[in-house]
Each structure stands twice: as structure tokens, then as C-alpha cells.
Amino acid sequence: MQISLRPFQRVALHLAGVSDTFMFVCARGLSKSWMCGVLAIAIANLYPRSEIVITSSTVGQANKMAEKILNEIIKRNSPVLL
């Protein structure tokens, strides 16, 4: 996908991809939702018939996550996905 990642993001995304359960606890501003979006795109590309469900407290938060996937990850960070 040609998305530049920091070392801790590479490790976290790798562990999330190979684990049955994965928990990533971090403070504010460490790109939790961005990394979830990257992982969702990777899973959608690797496993074409998979279903990706975004859950949140409100519909507005889920819509923000979907917009973040489209605008920040696909349009801004990945020339391959664009």
C-alpha cells in the first residue's frame, strides 16, 4: 500500500494481523483510529470476502472513522490505493 509507518505502528499492525485477539492500549494522539483504518484496508485487500464492521458510541463517530479511512489514509497517504 506504500504507506509510511513508524516502527511501533509496524509492530502493532503485524501483531494485530497474526493474532486471534489483540489489545493496543495507548495515550491520546498515537493514531489509534488511523491504525485501525489501515488494518481494515489491509484485511479487505488480503481477504476479499471479509466484512469490516465499525462500531462506536454514536453514528457520528462511525461516520468520522469512515471519512478518516477515505480522506486521510486512501487519498493522502497511499498512492496505490488511490
N, C-alpha and C. Protein backbone atom coordinates (compact mmCIF):
# COMPACT_ATOMS: atom_id res chain seq x y z
N MET A 1 0.83 -1.20 0.00
CA MET A 1 0.00 0.00 0.00
C MET A 1 0.86 1.25 0.00
N GLN A 2 2.14 1.10 0.22
CA GLN A 2 3.11 2.19 0.24
C GLN A 2 2.73 3.29 1.23
N ILE A 3 2.30 2.88 2.41
CA ILE A 3 2.01 3.82 3.49
C ILE A 3 3.21 3.80 4.43
N SER A 4 3.77 4.96 4.70
CA SER A 4 4.91 5.00 5.61
C SER A 4 4.42 4.86 7.05
N LEU A 5 5.05 3.94 7.76
CA LEU A 5 4.68 3.66 9.14
C LEU A 5 5.87 3.85 10.06
N ARG A 6 5.60 4.20 11.27
CA ARG A 6 6.65 4.26 12.29
C ARG A 6 6.88 2.85 12.82
N PRO A 7 8.04 2.62 13.43
CA PRO A 7 8.33 1.25 13.90
C PRO A 7 7.28 0.66 14.83
N PHE A 8 6.76 1.44 15.78
CA PHE A 8 5.76 0.88 16.69
C PHE A 8 4.46 0.56 15.96
N GLN A 9 4.15 1.33 14.89
CA GLN A 9 2.96 1.03 14.10
C GLN A 9 3.13 -0.27 13.32
N ARG A 10 4.33 -0.49 12.78
CA ARG A 10 4.60 -1.74 12.06
C ARG A 10 4.43 -2.94 12.98
N VAL A 11 4.98 -2.84 14.18
CA VAL A 11 4.88 -3.95 15.13
C VAL A 11 3.43 -4.18 15.53
N ALA A 12 2.71 -3.11 15.85
CA ALA A 12 1.32 -3.24 16.28
C ALA A 12 0.44 -3.81 15.17
N LEU A 13 0.61 -3.34 13.94
CA LEU A 13 -0.19 -3.85 12.84
C LEU A 13 0.16 -5.30 12.51
N HIS A 14 1.44 -5.65 12.64
CA HIS A 14 1.83 -7.05 12.42
C HIS A 14 1.18 -7.95 13.47
N LEU A 15 1.28 -7.55 14.74
CA LEU A 15 0.70 -8.36 15.81
C LEU A 15 -0.82 -8.46 15.68
N ALA A 16 -1.46 -7.38 15.27
CA ALA A 16 -2.91 -7.42 15.08
C ALA A 16 -3.28 -8.34 13.92
N GLY A 17 -2.41 -8.42 12.92
CA GLY A 17 -2.70 -9.27 11.76
C GLY A 17 -2.50 -10.74 12.01
N VAL A 18 -1.59 -11.10 12.90
CA VAL A 18 -1.30 -12.51 13.12
C VAL A 18 -1.95 -13.08 14.38
N SER A 19 -2.56 -12.24 15.20
CA SER A 19 -3.15 -12.69 16.46
C SER A 19 -4.65 -12.91 16.33
N ASP A 20 -5.17 -13.83 17.13
CA ASP A 20 -6.62 -14.00 17.20
C ASP A 20 -7.25 -12.87 18.00
N THR A 21 -6.60 -12.48 19.06
CA THR A 21 -7.04 -11.32 19.84
C THR A 21 -5.85 -10.40 20.03
N PHE A 22 -6.13 -9.12 19.98
CA PHE A 22 -5.06 -8.13 20.07
C PHE A 22 -5.59 -6.93 20.83
N MET A 23 -4.79 -6.42 21.76
CA MET A 23 -5.18 -5.24 22.51
C MET A 23 -4.04 -4.24 22.42
N PHE A 24 -4.37 -3.03 22.03
CA PHE A 24 -3.38 -1.97 21.88
C PHE A 24 -3.84 -0.80 22.73
N VAL A 25 -3.20 -0.59 23.85
CA VAL A 25 -3.56 0.48 24.77
C VAL A 25 -2.54 1.59 24.62
N CYS A 26 -3.01 2.78 24.31
CA CYS A 26 -2.08 3.89 24.18
C CYS A 26 -2.79 5.20 24.53
N ALA A 27 -1.99 6.21 24.70
CA ALA A 27 -2.50 7.52 25.10
C ALA A 27 -3.10 8.26 23.91
N ARG A 28 -3.54 9.44 24.18
CA ARG A 28 -4.13 10.29 23.16
C ARG A 28 -3.10 10.69 22.11
N GLY A 29 -3.52 10.73 20.85
CA GLY A 29 -2.65 11.22 19.80
C GLY A 29 -1.68 10.21 19.23
N LEU A 30 -1.84 8.93 19.53
CA LEU A 30 -0.93 7.93 18.98
C LEU A 30 -1.55 7.18 17.79
N SER A 31 -2.48 7.78 17.12
CA SER A 31 -3.06 7.29 15.86
C SER A 31 -3.76 5.95 15.99
N LYS A 32 -4.55 5.78 17.04
CA LYS A 32 -5.28 4.53 17.22
C LYS A 32 -6.28 4.32 16.10
N SER A 33 -7.11 5.30 15.82
CA SER A 33 -8.13 5.12 14.79
C SER A 33 -7.51 5.05 13.41
N TRP A 34 -6.42 5.76 13.18
CA TRP A 34 -5.73 5.69 11.89
C TRP A 34 -5.18 4.30 11.65
N MET A 35 -4.59 3.71 12.68
CA MET A 35 -4.05 2.35 12.54
C MET A 35 -5.16 1.33 12.36
N CYS A 36 -6.30 1.53 13.00
CA CYS A 36 -7.44 0.63 12.79
C CYS A 36 -7.92 0.73 11.35
N GLY A 37 -7.91 1.94 10.80
CA GLY A 37 -8.30 2.11 9.40
C GLY A 37 -7.34 1.43 8.45
N VAL A 38 -6.04 1.54 8.71
CA VAL A 38 -5.03 0.87 7.88
C VAL A 38 -5.21 -0.64 7.97
N LEU A 39 -5.45 -1.14 9.17
CA LEU A 39 -5.66 -2.57 9.34
C LEU A 39 -6.92 -3.03 8.62
N ALA A 40 -7.98 -2.24 8.68
CA ALA A 40 -9.21 -2.60 7.98
C ALA A 40 -8.99 -2.66 6.47
N ILE A 41 -8.24 -1.72 5.92
CA ILE A 41 -7.95 -1.73 4.49
C ILE A 41 -7.09 -2.93 4.13
N ALA A 42 -6.11 -3.24 4.96
CA ALA A 42 -5.24 -4.39 4.70
C ALA A 42 -6.05 -5.69 4.72
N ILE A 43 -6.93 -5.84 5.69
CA ILE A 43 -7.75 -7.05 5.76
C ILE A 43 -8.68 -7.13 4.55
N ALA A 44 -9.26 -6.00 4.15
CA ALA A 44 -10.15 -6.00 2.98
C ALA A 44 -9.40 -6.39 1.71
N ASN A 45 -8.14 -5.99 1.61
CA ASN A 45 -7.35 -6.34 0.42
C ASN A 45 -6.86 -7.78 0.45
N LEU A 46 -6.49 -8.26 1.63
CA LEU A 46 -5.97 -9.63 1.74
C LEU A 46 -7.06 -10.69 1.69
N TYR A 47 -8.20 -10.38 2.25
CA TYR A 47 -9.31 -11.33 2.33
C TYR A 47 -10.55 -10.68 1.70
N PRO A 48 -10.74 -10.81 0.39
CA PRO A 48 -11.78 -10.05 -0.33
C PRO A 48 -13.20 -10.25 0.17
N ARG A 49 -13.54 -11.39 0.73
CA ARG A 49 -14.92 -11.62 1.17
C ARG A 49 -15.14 -11.30 2.64
N SER A 50 -14.20 -10.63 3.25
CA SER A 50 -14.34 -10.31 4.66
C SER A 50 -15.28 -9.14 4.86
N GLU A 51 -15.92 -9.11 6.01
CA GLU A 51 -16.79 -7.99 6.38
C GLU A 51 -16.09 -7.18 7.45
N ILE A 52 -16.05 -5.89 7.27
CA ILE A 52 -15.42 -4.99 8.24
C ILE A 52 -16.52 -4.15 8.87
N VAL A 53 -16.63 -4.23 10.17
CA VAL A 53 -17.68 -3.53 10.89
C VAL A 53 -17.03 -2.48 11.78
N ILE A 54 -17.50 -1.25 11.66
CA ILE A 54 -17.01 -0.16 12.50
C ILE A 54 -18.04 0.07 13.59
N THR A 55 -17.62 -0.08 14.83
CA THR A 55 -18.53 0.15 15.95
C THR A 55 -18.06 1.38 16.72
N SER A 56 -19.02 2.09 17.26
CA SER A 56 -18.70 3.26 18.07
C SER A 56 -19.91 3.61 18.93
N SER A 57 -19.73 4.60 19.76
CA SER A 57 -20.81 5.02 20.67
C SER A 57 -21.96 5.65 19.90
N THR A 58 -21.61 6.42 18.86
CA THR A 58 -22.64 7.11 18.08
C THR A 58 -22.41 6.87 16.59
N VAL A 59 -23.42 7.13 15.82
CA VAL A 59 -23.31 7.01 14.37
C VAL A 59 -22.34 8.06 13.83
N GLY A 60 -22.30 9.22 14.45
CA GLY A 60 -21.38 10.27 14.03
C GLY A 60 -19.92 9.87 14.14
N GLN A 61 -19.58 9.16 15.22
CA GLN A 61 -18.20 8.70 15.38
C GLN A 61 -17.86 7.65 14.33
N ALA A 62 -18.79 6.77 14.01
CA ALA A 62 -18.55 5.76 12.97
C ALA A 62 -18.38 6.43 11.61
N ASN A 63 -19.17 7.45 11.35
CA ASN A 63 -19.02 8.19 10.09
C ASN A 63 -17.67 8.89 10.01
N LYS A 64 -17.20 9.43 11.14
CA LYS A 64 -15.87 10.06 11.17
C LYS A 64 -14.78 9.06 10.84
N MET A 65 -14.92 7.85 11.34
CA MET A 65 -13.93 6.81 11.07
C MET A 65 -13.94 6.44 9.58
N ALA A 66 -15.11 6.32 9.01
CA ALA A 66 -15.20 6.01 7.57
C ALA A 66 -14.60 7.15 6.74
N GLU A 67 -14.87 8.39 7.13
CA GLU A 67 -14.28 9.54 6.42
C GLU A 67 -12.76 9.56 6.59
N LYS A 68 -12.27 9.21 7.78
CA LYS A 68 -10.83 9.18 8.03
C LYS A 68 -10.17 8.13 7.14
N ILE A 69 -10.79 6.98 6.97
CA ILE A 69 -10.24 5.95 6.10
C ILE A 69 -10.14 6.47 4.67
N LEU A 70 -11.18 7.10 4.20
CA LEU A 70 -11.19 7.60 2.82
C LEU A 70 -10.25 8.78 2.63
N ASN A 71 -10.38 9.80 3.46
CA ASN A 71 -9.64 11.04 3.23
C ASN A 71 -8.18 10.99 3.68
N GLU A 72 -7.93 10.48 4.87
CA GLU A 72 -6.56 10.52 5.40
C GLU A 72 -5.70 9.36 4.94
N ILE A 73 -6.28 8.17 4.87
CA ILE A 73 -5.45 7.01 4.53
C ILE A 73 -5.37 6.82 3.02
N ILE A 74 -6.51 6.72 2.38
CA ILE A 74 -6.50 6.41 0.95
C ILE A 74 -6.05 7.61 0.12
N LYS A 75 -6.65 8.77 0.32
CA LYS A 75 -6.34 9.91 -0.55
C LYS A 75 -5.00 10.56 -0.24
N ARG A 76 -4.64 10.66 1.03
CA ARG A 76 -3.44 11.40 1.39
C ARG A 76 -2.18 10.53 1.51
N ASN A 77 -2.31 9.30 2.02
CA ASN A 77 -1.13 8.52 2.36
C ASN A 77 -0.80 7.38 1.43
N SER A 78 -1.71 6.95 0.59
CA SER A 78 -1.44 5.76 -0.23
C SER A 78 -1.71 6.02 -1.71
N PRO A 79 -0.67 6.25 -2.50
CA PRO A 79 -0.89 6.42 -3.93
C PRO A 79 -1.38 5.15 -4.61
N VAL A 80 -1.07 4.00 -4.04
CA VAL A 80 -1.51 2.74 -4.62
C VAL A 80 -3.02 2.57 -4.47
N LEU A 81 -3.55 2.87 -3.29
CA LEU A 81 -4.98 2.71 -3.06
C LEU A 81 -5.79 3.78 -3.79
N LEU A 82 -5.22 4.92 -4.01
CA LEU A 82 -5.94 6.00 -4.69
C LEU A 82 -6.19 5.61 -6.13
